[in-house]
PDB file of all heavy atoms in Angstrom:
ATOM      1  N   GLU A   1     -40.451 -12.665 -24.947  1.00  0.00           N
ATOM      2  CA  GLU A   1     -39.185 -12.228 -25.530  1.00  0.00           C
ATOM      3  C   GLU A   1     -38.617 -11.025 -24.807  1.00  0.00           C
ATOM      4  O   GLU A   1     -37.416 -10.925 -24.579  1.00  0.00           O
ATOM      5  CB  GLU A   1     -39.410 -11.915 -27.011  1.00  0.00           C
ATOM      6  CG  GLU A   1     -39.658 -13.157 -27.864  1.00  0.00           C
ATOM      7  CD  GLU A   1     -39.885 -12.809 -29.318  1.00  0.00           C
ATOM      8  OE1 GLU A   1     -39.923 -11.578 -29.610  1.00  0.00           O
ATOM      9  OE2 GLU A   1     -40.003 -13.693 -30.154  1.00  0.00           O
ATOM     10  N   ASN A   2     -39.508 -10.055 -24.451  1.00  0.00           N
ATOM     11  CA  ASN A   2     -39.015  -8.890 -23.737  1.00  0.00           C
ATOM     12  C   ASN A   2     -38.505  -9.227 -22.322  1.00  0.00           C
ATOM     13  O   ASN A   2     -37.621  -8.577 -21.802  1.00  0.00           O
ATOM     14  CB  ASN A   2     -40.131  -7.850 -23.625  1.00  0.00           C
ATOM     15  CG  ASN A   2     -40.497  -7.267 -24.997  1.00  0.00           C
ATOM     16  OD1 ASN A   2     -39.644  -7.257 -25.897  1.00  0.00           O
ATOM     17  ND2 ASN A   2     -41.740  -6.816 -25.162  1.00  0.00           N
ATOM     18  N   THR A   3     -39.138 -10.253 -21.721  1.00  0.00           N
ATOM     19  CA  THR A   3     -38.737 -10.639 -20.379  1.00  0.00           C
ATOM     20  C   THR A   3     -37.398 -11.363 -20.368  1.00  0.00           C
ATOM     21  O   THR A   3     -36.562 -11.157 -19.508  1.00  0.00           O
ATOM     22  CB  THR A   3     -39.806 -11.504 -19.724  1.00  0.00           C
ATOM     23  OG1 THR A   3     -41.035 -10.828 -19.779  1.00  0.00           O
ATOM     24  CG2 THR A   3     -39.436 -11.828 -18.295  1.00  0.00           C
ATOM     25  N   THR A   4     -37.181 -12.236 -21.316  1.00  0.00           N
ATOM     26  CA  THR A   4     -35.960 -13.081 -21.344  1.00  0.00           C
ATOM     27  C   THR A   4     -34.806 -12.408 -22.069  1.00  0.00           C
ATOM     28  O   THR A   4     -33.699 -12.921 -22.053  1.00  0.00           O
ATOM     29  CB  THR A   4     -36.267 -14.424 -22.028  1.00  0.00           C
ATOM     30  OG1 THR A   4     -36.753 -14.174 -23.340  1.00  0.00           O
ATOM     31  CG2 THR A   4     -37.277 -15.205 -21.238  1.00  0.00           C
ATOM     32  N   HIS A   5     -35.039 -11.291 -22.734  1.00  0.00           N
ATOM     33  CA  HIS A   5     -33.962 -10.637 -23.463  1.00  0.00           C
ATOM     34  C   HIS A   5     -33.012  -9.909 -22.516  1.00  0.00           C
ATOM     35  O   HIS A   5     -33.461  -9.153 -21.662  1.00  0.00           O
ATOM     36  CB  HIS A   5     -34.553  -9.642 -24.478  1.00  0.00           C
ATOM     37  CG  HIS A   5     -33.494  -8.907 -25.248  1.00  0.00           C
ATOM     38  ND1 HIS A   5     -32.684  -9.514 -26.167  1.00  0.00           N
ATOM     39  CD2 HIS A   5     -33.134  -7.590 -25.199  1.00  0.00           C
ATOM     40  CE1 HIS A   5     -31.863  -8.614 -26.671  1.00  0.00           C
ATOM     41  NE2 HIS A   5     -32.104  -7.426 -26.089  1.00  0.00           N
ATOM     42  N   VAL A   6     -31.725 -10.188 -22.659  1.00  0.00           N
ATOM     43  CA  VAL A   6     -30.715  -9.525 -21.827  1.00  0.00           C
ATOM     44  C   VAL A   6     -29.903  -8.612 -22.733  1.00  0.00           C
ATOM     45  O   VAL A   6     -29.340  -9.064 -23.727  1.00  0.00           O
ATOM     46  CB  VAL A   6     -29.771 -10.568 -21.163  1.00  0.00           C
ATOM     47  CG1 VAL A   6     -28.700  -9.872 -20.335  1.00  0.00           C
ATOM     48  CG2 VAL A   6     -30.576 -11.529 -20.310  1.00  0.00           C
ATOM     49  N   PRO A   7     -29.871  -7.325 -22.423  1.00  0.00           N
ATOM     50  CA  PRO A   7     -29.127  -6.387 -23.273  1.00  0.00           C
ATOM     51  C   PRO A   7     -27.623  -6.673 -23.208  1.00  0.00           C
ATOM     52  O   PRO A   7     -27.081  -7.035 -22.169  1.00  0.00           O
ATOM     53  CB  PRO A   7     -29.437  -5.010 -22.658  1.00  0.00           C
ATOM     54  CG  PRO A   7     -29.847  -5.295 -21.265  1.00  0.00           C
ATOM     55  CD  PRO A   7     -30.502  -6.626 -21.275  1.00  0.00           C
ATOM     56  N   ARG A   8     -27.003  -6.539 -24.344  1.00  0.00           N
ATOM     57  CA  ARG A   8     -25.562  -6.784 -24.450  1.00  0.00           C
ATOM     58  C   ARG A   8     -24.794  -5.591 -23.883  1.00  0.00           C
ATOM     59  O   ARG A   8     -25.121  -4.432 -24.171  1.00  0.00           O
ATOM     60  CB  ARG A   8     -25.147  -6.993 -25.915  1.00  0.00           C
ATOM     61  CG  ARG A   8     -25.768  -8.235 -26.546  1.00  0.00           C
ATOM     62  CD  ARG A   8     -25.360  -8.339 -27.995  1.00  0.00           C
ATOM     63  NE  ARG A   8     -23.901  -8.443 -28.083  1.00  0.00           N
ATOM     64  CZ  ARG A   8     -23.270  -8.440 -29.256  1.00  0.00           C
ATOM     65  NH1 ARG A   8     -23.923  -8.312 -30.384  1.00  0.00           N
ATOM     66  NH2 ARG A   8     -21.945  -8.525 -29.258  1.00  0.00           N
ATOM     67  N   THR A   9     -23.856  -5.892 -23.074  1.00  0.00           N
ATOM     68  CA  THR A   9     -23.028  -4.848 -22.479  1.00  0.00           C
ATOM     69  C   THR A   9     -21.682  -4.807 -23.186  1.00  0.00           C
ATOM     70  O   THR A   9     -21.174  -5.843 -23.622  1.00  0.00           O
ATOM     71  CB  THR A   9     -22.816  -5.097 -20.984  1.00  0.00           C
ATOM     72  OG1 THR A   9     -22.201  -6.378 -20.849  1.00  0.00           O
ATOM     73  CG2 THR A   9     -24.125  -5.040 -20.250  1.00  0.00           C
ATOM     74  N   HIS A  10     -21.122  -3.638 -23.282  1.00  0.00           N
ATOM     75  CA  HIS A  10     -19.863  -3.464 -23.986  1.00  0.00           C
ATOM     76  C   HIS A  10     -18.765  -3.128 -22.963  1.00  0.00           C
ATOM     77  O   HIS A  10     -18.898  -2.113 -22.263  1.00  0.00           O
ATOM     78  CB  HIS A  10     -20.003  -2.316 -25.002  1.00  0.00           C
ATOM     79  CG  HIS A  10     -18.742  -2.118 -25.828  1.00  0.00           C
ATOM     80  ND1 HIS A  10     -18.348  -3.006 -26.772  1.00  0.00           N
ATOM     81  CD2 HIS A  10     -17.859  -1.106 -25.815  1.00  0.00           C
ATOM     82  CE1 HIS A  10     -17.250  -2.593 -27.330  1.00  0.00           C
ATOM     83  NE2 HIS A  10     -16.920  -1.431 -26.753  1.00  0.00           N
ATOM     84  N   HIS A  11     -17.796  -3.982 -22.847  1.00  0.00           N
ATOM     85  CA  HIS A  11     -16.716  -3.783 -21.892  1.00  0.00           C
ATOM     86  C   HIS A  11     -15.516  -3.191 -22.645  1.00  0.00           C
ATOM     87  O   HIS A  11     -14.859  -3.853 -23.427  1.00  0.00           O
ATOM     88  CB  HIS A  11     -16.293  -5.119 -21.246  1.00  0.00           C
ATOM     89  CG  HIS A  11     -17.429  -5.789 -20.497  1.00  0.00           C
ATOM     90  ND1 HIS A  11     -17.795  -5.402 -19.235  1.00  0.00           N
ATOM     91  CD2 HIS A  11     -18.275  -6.778 -20.857  1.00  0.00           C
ATOM     92  CE1 HIS A  11     -18.828  -6.151 -18.825  1.00  0.00           C
ATOM     93  NE2 HIS A  11     -19.123  -6.980 -19.797  1.00  0.00           N
ATOM     94  N   SER A  12     -15.316  -1.917 -22.394  1.00  0.00           N
ATOM     95  CA  SER A  12     -14.251  -1.223 -23.111  1.00  0.00           C
ATOM     96  C   SER A  12     -12.865  -1.653 -22.609  1.00  0.00           C
ATOM     97  O   SER A  12     -11.891  -1.516 -23.323  1.00  0.00           O
ATOM     98  CB  SER A  12     -14.371   0.296 -22.931  1.00  0.00           C
ATOM     99  OG  SER A  12     -14.328   0.594 -21.567  1.00  0.00           O
ATOM    100  N   ARG A  13     -12.781  -2.214 -21.409  1.00  0.00           N
ATOM    101  CA  ARG A  13     -11.473  -2.561 -20.866  1.00  0.00           C
ATOM    102  C   ARG A  13     -10.958  -3.893 -21.421  1.00  0.00           C
ATOM    103  O   ARG A  13      -9.766  -4.115 -21.461  1.00  0.00           O
ATOM    104  CB  ARG A  13     -11.509  -2.636 -19.347  1.00  0.00           C
ATOM    105  CG  ARG A  13     -11.733  -1.274 -18.688  1.00  0.00           C
ATOM    106  CD  ARG A  13     -11.725  -1.413 -17.178  1.00  0.00           C
ATOM    107  NE  ARG A  13     -11.905  -0.113 -16.560  1.00  0.00           N
ATOM    108  CZ  ARG A  13     -10.909   0.692 -16.220  1.00  0.00           C
ATOM    109  NH1 ARG A  13      -9.681   0.322 -16.484  1.00  0.00           N
ATOM    110  NH2 ARG A  13     -11.155   1.875 -15.650  1.00  0.00           N
ATOM    111  N   THR A  14     -11.904  -4.815 -21.780  1.00  0.00           N
ATOM    112  CA  THR A  14     -11.478  -6.129 -22.213  1.00  0.00           C
ATOM    113  C   THR A  14     -11.581  -6.299 -23.713  1.00  0.00           C
ATOM    114  O   THR A  14     -11.104  -7.313 -24.230  1.00  0.00           O
ATOM    115  CB  THR A  14     -12.342  -7.206 -21.537  1.00  0.00           C
ATOM    116  OG1 THR A  14     -13.713  -6.981 -21.855  1.00  0.00           O
ATOM    117  CG2 THR A  14     -12.160  -7.144 -20.030  1.00  0.00           C
ATOM    118  N   ASP A  15     -12.205  -5.391 -24.429  1.00  0.00           N
ATOM    119  CA  ASP A  15     -12.337  -5.540 -25.869  1.00  0.00           C
ATOM    120  C   ASP A  15     -11.044  -5.071 -26.505  1.00  0.00           C
ATOM    121  O   ASP A  15     -10.679  -3.897 -26.429  1.00  0.00           O
ATOM    122  CB  ASP A  15     -13.525  -4.694 -26.359  1.00  0.00           C
ATOM    123  CG  ASP A  15     -13.846  -5.003 -27.828  1.00  0.00           C
ATOM    124  OD1 ASP A  15     -13.104  -5.849 -28.405  1.00  0.00           O
ATOM    125  OD2 ASP A  15     -14.789  -4.396 -28.392  1.00  0.00           O
ATOM    126  N   PRO A  16     -10.316  -5.953 -27.192  1.00  0.00           N
ATOM    127  CA  PRO A  16      -9.036  -5.520 -27.778  1.00  0.00           C
ATOM    128  C   PRO A  16      -9.194  -4.569 -28.936  1.00  0.00           C
ATOM    129  O   PRO A  16      -8.270  -3.869 -29.304  1.00  0.00           O
ATOM    130  CB  PRO A  16      -8.378  -6.841 -28.221  1.00  0.00           C
ATOM    131  CG  PRO A  16      -9.533  -7.770 -28.425  1.00  0.00           C
ATOM    132  CD  PRO A  16     -10.583  -7.385 -27.439  1.00  0.00           C
ATOM    133  N   LYS A  17     -10.418  -4.502 -29.533  1.00  0.00           N
ATOM    134  CA  LYS A  17     -10.625  -3.602 -30.685  1.00  0.00           C
ATOM    135  C   LYS A  17     -11.104  -2.257 -30.258  1.00  0.00           C
ATOM    136  O   LYS A  17     -11.381  -1.401 -31.091  1.00  0.00           O
ATOM    137  CB  LYS A  17     -11.626  -4.249 -31.654  1.00  0.00           C
ATOM    138  CG  LYS A  17     -11.135  -5.553 -32.250  1.00  0.00           C
ATOM    139  CD  LYS A  17     -12.157  -6.118 -33.224  1.00  0.00           C
ATOM    140  CE  LYS A  17     -11.664  -7.416 -33.833  1.00  0.00           C
ATOM    141  NZ  LYS A  17     -12.652  -7.988 -34.784  1.00  0.00           N
ATOM    142  N   ASP A  18     -11.315  -2.045 -28.992  1.00  0.00           N
ATOM    143  CA  ASP A  18     -11.834  -0.773 -28.507  1.00  0.00           C
ATOM    144  C   ASP A  18     -10.766   0.307 -28.594  1.00  0.00           C
ATOM    145  O   ASP A  18      -9.680   0.136 -28.016  1.00  0.00           O
ATOM    146  CB  ASP A  18     -12.306  -0.930 -27.056  1.00  0.00           C
ATOM    147  CG  ASP A  18     -12.999   0.345 -26.566  1.00  0.00           C
ATOM    148  OD1 ASP A  18     -13.282   1.214 -27.388  1.00  0.00           O
ATOM    149  OD2 ASP A  18     -13.219   0.426 -25.351  1.00  0.00           O
ATOM    150  N   PRO A  19     -10.962   1.395 -29.339  1.00  0.00           N
ATOM    151  CA  PRO A  19      -9.921   2.424 -29.453  1.00  0.00           C
ATOM    152  C   PRO A  19      -9.690   3.144 -28.147  1.00  0.00           C
ATOM    153  O   PRO A  19      -8.659   3.778 -27.992  1.00  0.00           O
ATOM    154  CB  PRO A  19     -10.488   3.364 -30.524  1.00  0.00           C
ATOM    155  CG  PRO A  19     -11.977   3.165 -30.466  1.00  0.00           C
ATOM    156  CD  PRO A  19     -12.156   1.736 -30.122  1.00  0.00           C
ATOM    157  N   ALA A  20     -10.645   3.082 -27.221  1.00  0.00           N
ATOM    158  CA  ALA A  20     -10.487   3.785 -25.954  1.00  0.00           C
ATOM    159  C   ALA A  20      -9.734   2.963 -24.913  1.00  0.00           C
ATOM    160  O   ALA A  20      -9.701   3.319 -23.751  1.00  0.00           O
ATOM    161  CB  ALA A  20     -11.841   4.162 -25.388  1.00  0.00           C
ATOM    162  N   MET A  21      -9.133   1.838 -25.357  1.00  0.00           N
ATOM    163  CA  MET A  21      -8.410   0.988 -24.414  1.00  0.00           C
ATOM    164  C   MET A  21      -7.212   1.764 -23.863  1.00  0.00           C
ATOM    165  O   MET A  21      -6.412   2.330 -24.611  1.00  0.00           O
ATOM    166  CB  MET A  21      -7.935  -0.271 -25.135  1.00  0.00           C
ATOM    167  CG  MET A  21      -7.229  -1.255 -24.237  1.00  0.00           C
ATOM    168  SD  MET A  21      -6.742  -2.726 -25.147  1.00  0.00           S
ATOM    169  CE  MET A  21      -6.031  -3.692 -23.847  1.00  0.00           C
ATOM    170  N   PRO A  22      -7.010   1.792 -22.551  1.00  0.00           N
ATOM    171  CA  PRO A  22      -5.905   2.587 -21.981  1.00  0.00           C
ATOM    172  C   PRO A  22      -4.558   2.000 -22.377  1.00  0.00           C
ATOM    173  O   PRO A  22      -4.376   0.800 -22.489  1.00  0.00           O
ATOM    174  CB  PRO A  22      -6.153   2.489 -20.474  1.00  0.00           C
ATOM    175  CG  PRO A  22      -6.970   1.259 -20.292  1.00  0.00           C
ATOM    176  CD  PRO A  22      -7.814   1.128 -21.508  1.00  0.00           C
ATOM    177  N   ASN A  23      -3.603   2.880 -22.569  1.00  0.00           N
ATOM    178  CA  ASN A  23      -2.258   2.471 -22.948  1.00  0.00           C
ATOM    179  C   ASN A  23      -1.546   1.793 -21.786  1.00  0.00           C
ATOM    180  O   ASN A  23      -0.508   1.136 -21.999  1.00  0.00           O
ATOM    181  CB  ASN A  23      -1.431   3.664 -23.408  1.00  0.00           C
ATOM    182  CG  ASN A  23      -1.976   4.257 -24.687  1.00  0.00           C
ATOM    183  OD1 ASN A  23      -2.548   3.533 -25.503  1.00  0.00           O
ATOM    184  ND2 ASN A  23      -1.807   5.568 -24.881  1.00  0.00           N
ATOM    185  N   ALA A  24      -2.050   1.941 -20.555  1.00  0.00           N
ATOM    186  CA  ALA A  24      -1.405   1.330 -19.399  1.00  0.00           C
ATOM    187  C   ALA A  24      -1.471  -0.173 -19.431  1.00  0.00           C
ATOM    188  O   ALA A  24      -0.701  -0.833 -18.759  1.00  0.00           O
ATOM    189  CB  ALA A  24      -2.028   1.848 -18.099  1.00  0.00           C
ATOM    190  N   SER A  25      -2.425  -0.733 -20.224  1.00  0.00           N
ATOM    191  CA  SER A  25      -2.527  -2.197 -20.284  1.00  0.00           C
ATOM    192  C   SER A  25      -1.419  -2.793 -21.096  1.00  0.00           C
ATOM    193  O   SER A  25      -1.232  -3.997 -21.116  1.00  0.00           O
ATOM    194  CB  SER A  25      -3.880  -2.586 -20.896  1.00  0.00           C
ATOM    195  OG  SER A  25      -3.964  -2.076 -22.213  1.00  0.00           O
ATOM    196  N   ARG A  26      -0.701  -1.984 -21.832  1.00  0.00           N
ATOM    197  CA  ARG A  26       0.438  -2.449 -22.582  1.00  0.00           C
ATOM    198  C   ARG A  26       1.708  -1.847 -21.966  1.00  0.00           C
ATOM    199  O   ARG A  26       2.159  -0.789 -22.345  1.00  0.00           O
ATOM    200  CB  ARG A  26       0.337  -2.032 -24.058  1.00  0.00           C
ATOM    201  CG  ARG A  26      -0.881  -2.603 -24.748  1.00  0.00           C
ATOM    202  CD  ARG A  26      -0.956  -2.124 -26.179  1.00  0.00           C
ATOM    203  NE  ARG A  26      -2.160  -2.627 -26.843  1.00  0.00           N
ATOM    204  CZ  ARG A  26      -2.481  -2.317 -28.089  1.00  0.00           C
ATOM    205  NH1 ARG A  26      -1.713  -1.525 -28.809  1.00  0.00           N
ATOM    206  NH2 ARG A  26      -3.581  -2.831 -28.620  1.00  0.00           N
ATOM    207  N   PRO A  27       2.272  -2.502 -20.966  1.00  0.00           N
ATOM    208  CA  PRO A  27       3.396  -1.900 -20.249  1.00  0.00           C
ATOM    209  C   PRO A  27       4.619  -1.780 -21.143  1.00  0.00           C
ATOM    210  O   PRO A  27       4.929  -2.657 -21.934  1.00  0.00           O
ATOM    211  CB  PRO A  27       3.653  -2.871 -19.088  1.00  0.00           C
ATOM    212  CG  PRO A  27       3.080  -4.167 -19.558  1.00  0.00           C
ATOM    213  CD  PRO A  27       1.904  -3.811 -20.438  1.00  0.00           C
ATOM    214  N   ARG A  28       5.274  -0.672 -21.014  1.00  0.00           N
ATOM    215  CA  ARG A  28       6.499  -0.453 -21.758  1.00  0.00           C
ATOM    216  C   ARG A  28       7.662  -1.131 -21.034  1.00  0.00           C
ATOM    217  O   ARG A  28       7.811  -1.013 -19.837  1.00  0.00           O
ATOM    218  CB  ARG A  28       6.805   1.057 -21.904  1.00  0.00           C
ATOM    219  CG  ARG A  28       5.818   1.774 -22.794  1.00  0.00           C
ATOM    220  CD  ARG A  28       6.258   3.214 -23.022  1.00  0.00           C
ATOM    221  NE  ARG A  28       6.313   3.957 -21.781  1.00  0.00           N
ATOM    222  CZ  ARG A  28       7.423   4.411 -21.226  1.00  0.00           C
ATOM    223  NH1 ARG A  28       8.605   4.161 -21.776  1.00  0.00           N
ATOM    224  NH2 ARG A  28       7.399   5.093 -20.093  1.00  0.00           N
ATOM    225  N   ARG A  29       8.468  -1.808 -21.797  1.00  0.00           N
ATOM    226  CA  ARG A  29       9.610  -2.504 -21.235  1.00  0.00           C
ATOM    227  C   ARG A  29      10.861  -1.632 -21.449  1.00  0.00           C
ATOM    228  O   ARG A  29      11.173  -1.240 -22.572  1.00  0.00           O
ATOM    229  CB  ARG A  29       9.815  -3.872 -21.904  1.00  0.00           C
ATOM    230  CG  ARG A  29       8.696  -4.838 -21.598  1.00  0.00           C
ATOM    231  CD  ARG A  29       8.988  -6.189 -22.240  1.00  0.00           C
ATOM    232  NE  ARG A  29       7.953  -7.170 -21.926  1.00  0.00           N
ATOM    233  CZ  ARG A  29       7.961  -7.930 -20.860  1.00  0.00           C
ATOM    234  NH1 ARG A  29       8.953  -7.827 -20.027  1.00  0.00           N
ATOM    235  NH2 ARG A  29       7.002  -8.791 -20.658  1.00  0.00           N
ATOM    236  N   LEU A  30      11.558  -1.375 -20.385  1.00  0.00           N
ATOM    237  CA  LEU A  30      12.791  -0.601 -20.469  1.00  0.00           C
ATOM    238  C   LEU A  30      13.846  -1.443 -21.149  1.00  0.00           C
ATOM    239  O   LEU A  30      14.086  -2.563 -20.787  1.00  0.00           O
ATOM    240  CB  LEU A  30      13.261  -0.215 -19.069  1.00  0.00           C
ATOM    241  CG  LEU A  30      14.479   0.696 -18.973  1.00  0.00           C
ATOM    242  CD1 LEU A  30      14.123   2.059 -19.526  1.00  0.00           C
ATOM    243  CD2 LEU A  30      14.954   0.809 -17.550  1.00  0.00           C
ATOM    244  N   PRO A  31      14.507  -0.902 -22.190  1.00  0.00           N
ATOM    245  CA  PRO A  31      15.562  -1.653 -22.865  1.00  0.00           C
ATOM    246  C   PRO A  31      16.654  -2.037 -21.869  1.00  0.00           C
ATOM    247  O   PRO A  31      16.976  -1.314 -20.941  1.00  0.00           O
ATOM    248  CB  PRO A  31      16.088  -0.680 -23.935  1.00  0.00           C
ATOM    249  CG  PRO A  31      14.974   0.279 -24.148  1.00  0.00           C
ATOM    250  CD  PRO A  31      14.254   0.396 -22.826  1.00  0.00           C
ATOM    251  N   ARG A  32      17.212  -3.196 -22.101  1.00  0.00           N
ATOM    252  CA  ARG A  32      18.210  -3.719 -21.146  1.00  0.00           C
ATOM    253  C   ARG A  32      19.454  -2.879 -21.112  1.00  0.00           C
ATOM    254  O   ARG A  32      20.115  -2.807 -20.069  1.00  0.00           O
ATOM    255  CB  ARG A  32      18.549  -5.168 -21.535  1.00  0.00           C
ATOM    256  CG  ARG A  32      17.372  -6.129 -21.334  1.00  0.00           C
ATOM    257  CD  ARG A  32      17.757  -7.557 -21.566  1.00  0.00           C
ATOM    258  NE  ARG A  32      16.629  -8.447 -21.334  1.00  0.00           N
ATOM    259  CZ  ARG A  32      16.665  -9.759 -21.438  1.00  0.00           C
ATOM    260  NH1 ARG A  32      17.793 -10.338 -21.835  1.00  0.00           N
ATOM    261  NH2 ARG A  32      15.626 -10.503 -21.212  1.00  0.00           N
ATOM    262  N   LEU A  33      19.797  -2.246 -22.224  1.00  0.00           N
ATOM    263  CA  LEU A  33      20.984  -1.387 -22.201  1.00  0.00           C
ATOM    264  C   LEU A  33      20.757  -0.183 -21.302  1.00  0.00           C
ATOM    265  O   LEU A  33      21.645   0.182 -20.502  1.00  0.00           O
ATOM    266  CB  LEU A  33      21.318  -0.936 -23.617  1.00  0.00           C
ATOM    267  CG  LEU A  33      22.559  -0.025 -23.749  1.00  0.00           C
ATOM    268  CD1 LEU A  33      23.785  -0.746 -23.191  1.00  0.00           C
ATOM    269  CD2 LEU A  33      22.771   0.383 -25.199  1.00  0.00           C
ATOM    270  N   ARG A  34      19.587   0.425 -21.379  1.00  0.00           N
ATOM    271  CA  ARG A  34      19.304   1.551 -20.488  1.00  0.00           C
ATOM    272  C   ARG A  34      19.233   1.106 -19.044  1.00  0.00           C
ATOM    273  O   ARG A  34      19.692   1.816 -18.143  1.00  0.00           O
ATOM    274  CB  ARG A  34      17.960   2.182 -20.915  1.00  0.00           C
ATOM    275  CG  ARG A  34      18.002   2.939 -22.224  1.00  0.00           C
ATOM    276  CD  ARG A  34      16.656   3.504 -22.567  1.00  0.00           C
ATOM    277  NE  ARG A  34      16.168   4.348 -21.496  1.00  0.00           N
ATOM    278  CZ  ARG A  34      14.919   4.797 -21.444  1.00  0.00           C
ATOM    279  NH1 ARG A  34      14.046   4.492 -22.396  1.00  0.00           N
ATOM    280  NH2 ARG A  34      14.526   5.561 -20.434  1.00  0.00           N
ATOM    281  N   ARG A  35      18.705  -0.070 -18.788  1.00  0.00           N
ATOM    282  CA  ARG A  35      18.657  -0.551 -17.408  1.00  0.00           C
ATOM    283  C   ARG A  35      20.071  -0.883 -16.900  1.00  0.00           C
ATOM    284  O   ARG A  35      20.389  -0.655 -15.726  1.00  0.00           O
ATOM    285  CB  ARG A  35      17.785  -1.796 -17.314  1.00  0.00           C
ATOM    286  CG  ARG A  35      17.602  -2.313 -15.904  1.00  0.00           C
ATOM    287  CD  ARG A  35      16.509  -3.341 -15.829  1.00  0.00           C
ATOM    288  NE  ARG A  35      15.200  -2.765 -16.109  1.00  0.00           N
ATOM    289  CZ  ARG A  35      14.076  -3.437 -16.057  1.00  0.00           C
ATOM    290  NH1 ARG A  35      14.081  -4.704 -15.745  1.00  0.00           N
ATOM    291  NH2 ARG A  35      12.926  -2.850 -16.329  1.00  0.00           N
ATOM    292  N   LEU A  36      20.927  -1.378 -17.794  1.00  0.00           N
ATOM    293  CA  LEU A  36      22.311  -1.624 -17.406  1.00  0.00           C
ATOM    294  C   LEU A  36      23.012  -0.323 -17.042  1.00  0.00           C
ATOM    295  O   LEU A  36      23.733  -0.246 -16.032  1.00  0.00           O
ATOM    296  CB  LEU A  36      23.042  -2.321 -18.559  1.00  0.00           C
ATOM    297  CG  LEU A  36      24.470  -2.765 -18.273  1.00  0.00           C
ATOM    298  CD1 LEU A  36      24.490  -3.959 -17.343  1.00  0.00           C
ATOM    299  CD2 LEU A  36      25.184  -3.110 -19.565  1.00  0.00           C
ATOM    300  N   LEU A  37      22.793   0.723 -17.821  1.00  0.00           N
ATOM    301  CA  LEU A  37      23.387   2.007 -17.518  1.00  0.00           C
ATOM    302  C   LEU A  37      22.829   2.573 -16.210  1.00  0.00           C
ATOM    303  O   LEU A  37      23.562   3.205 -15.427  1.00  0.00           O
ATOM    304  CB  LEU A  37      23.120   2.986 -18.661  1.00  0.00           C
ATOM    305  CG  LEU A  37      23.826   2.701 -19.985  1.00  0.00           C
ATOM    306  CD1 LEU A  37      23.341   3.652 -21.051  1.00  0.00           C
ATOM    307  CD2 LEU A  37      25.326   2.815 -19.817  1.00  0.00           C
ATOM    308  N   ALA A  38      21.530   2.348 -15.968  1.00  0.00           N
ATOM    309  CA  ALA A  38      20.920   2.844 -14.733  1.00  0.00           C
ATOM    310  C   ALA A  38      21.522   2.143 -13.522  1.00  0.00           C
ATOM    311  O   ALA A  38      21.840   2.786 -12.514  1.00  0.00           O
ATOM    312  CB  ALA A  38      19.411   2.660 -14.794  1.00  0.00           C
ATOM    313  N   LEU A  39      21.711   0.819 -13.611  1.00  0.00           N
ATOM    314  CA  LEU A  39      22.294   0.100 -12.491  1.00  0.00           C
ATOM    315  C   LEU A  39      23.737   0.513 -12.232  1.00  0.00           C
ATOM    316  O   LEU A  39      24.214   0.501 -11.096  1.00  0.00           O
ATOM    317  CB  LEU A  39      22.242  -1.411 -12.760  1.00  0.00           C
ATOM    318  CG  LEU A  39      20.883  -2.078 -12.671  1.00  0.00           C
ATOM    319  CD1 LEU A  39      20.956  -3.524 -13.123  1.00  0.00           C
ATOM    320  CD2 LEU A  39      20.304  -1.986 -11.285  1.00  0.00           C
ATOM    321  N   ALA A  40      24.448   0.916 -13.290  1.00  0.00           N
ATOM    322  CA  ALA A  40      25.870   1.281 -13.159  1.00  0.00           C
ATOM    323  C   ALA A  40      26.076   2.706 -12.674  1.00  0.00           C
ATOM    324  O   ALA A  40      27.199   3.058 -12.307  1.00  0.00           O
ATOM    325  CB  ALA A  40      26.578   1.108 -14.495  1.00  0.00           C
ATOM    326  N   THR A  41      25.005   3.515 -12.608  1.00  0.00           N
ATOM    327  CA  THR A  41      25.195   4.935 -12.255  1.00  0.00           C
ATOM    328  C   THR A  41      24.221   5.457 -11.230  1.00  0.00           C
ATOM    329  O   THR A  41      24.331   6.595 -10.809  1.00  0.00           O
ATOM    330  CB  THR A  41      25.085   5.800 -13.513  1.00  0.00           C
ATOM    331  OG1 THR A  41      23.809   5.559 -14.158  1.00  0.00           O
ATOM    332  CG2 THR A  41      26.190   5.494 -14.519  1.00  0.00           C
ATOM    333  N   ASP A  42      23.248   4.646 -10.789  1.00  0.00           N
ATOM    334  CA  ASP A  42      22.192   5.155  -9.939  1.00  0.00           C
ATOM    335  C   ASP A  42      22.462   5.078  -8.439  1.00  0.00           C
ATOM    336  O   ASP A  42      21.628   5.526  -7.642  1.00  0.00           O
ATOM    337  CB  ASP A  42      20.868   4.425 -10.256  1.00  0.00           C
ATOM    338  CG  ASP A  42      20.159   5.005 -11.457  1.00  0.00           C
ATOM    339  OD1 ASP A  42      20.683   6.010 -11.980  1.00  0.00           O
ATOM    340  OD2 ASP A  42      19.127   4.490 -11.867  1.00  0.00           O
ATOM    341  N   ASN A  43      23.561   4.494  -8.018  1.00  0.00           N
ATOM    342  CA  ASN A  43      23.848   4.389  -6.588  1.00  0.00           C
ATOM    343  C   ASN A  43      25.329   4.617  -6.361  1.00  0.00           C
ATOM    344  O   ASN A  43      26.167   4.513  -7.255  1.00  0.00           O
ATOM    345  CB  ASN A  43      23.394   3.052  -6.017  1.00  0.00           C
ATOM    346  CG  ASN A  43      23.946   1.865  -6.819  1.00  0.00           C
ATOM    347  OD1 ASN A  43      25.131   1.555  -6.709  1.00  0.00           O
ATOM    348  ND2 ASN A  43      23.105   1.231  -7.636  1.00  0.00           N
ATOM    349  N   TRP A  44      25.643   4.941  -5.094  1.00  0.00           N
ATOM    350  CA  TRP A  44      27.008   5.334  -4.764  1.00  0.00           C
ATOM    351  C   TRP A  44      28.024   4.195  -4.880  1.00  0.00           C
ATOM    352  O   TRP A  44      29.162   4.441  -5.286  1.00  0.00           O
ATOM    353  CB  TRP A  44      27.050   5.928  -3.356  1.00  0.00           C
ATOM    354  CG  TRP A  44      26.488   7.317  -3.313  1.00  0.00           C
ATOM    355  CD1 TRP A  44      25.306   7.725  -2.778  1.00  0.00           C
ATOM    356  CD2 TRP A  44      27.078   8.495  -3.870  1.00  0.00           C
ATOM    357  NE1 TRP A  44      25.117   9.081  -2.942  1.00  0.00           N
ATOM    358  CE2 TRP A  44      26.198   9.591  -3.616  1.00  0.00           C
ATOM    359  CE3 TRP A  44      28.266   8.751  -4.548  1.00  0.00           C
ATOM    360  CZ2 TRP A  44      26.474  10.870  -4.031  1.00  0.00           C
ATOM    361  CZ3 TRP A  44      28.545  10.060  -4.948  1.00  0.00           C
ATOM    362  CH2 TRP A  44      27.648  11.083  -4.691  1.00  0.00           C
TER     363      TRP A  44
END
């Protein structure tokens, strides 16, 4: 039993219930109105 037992590993990056999951995995989407304003004013 000791030989064949494989310890369980905890993957914090793939576990959706992990509170330490980085916020970068949930990308923020820029609202289309703000992007429209940016396109209308960001270049000459």
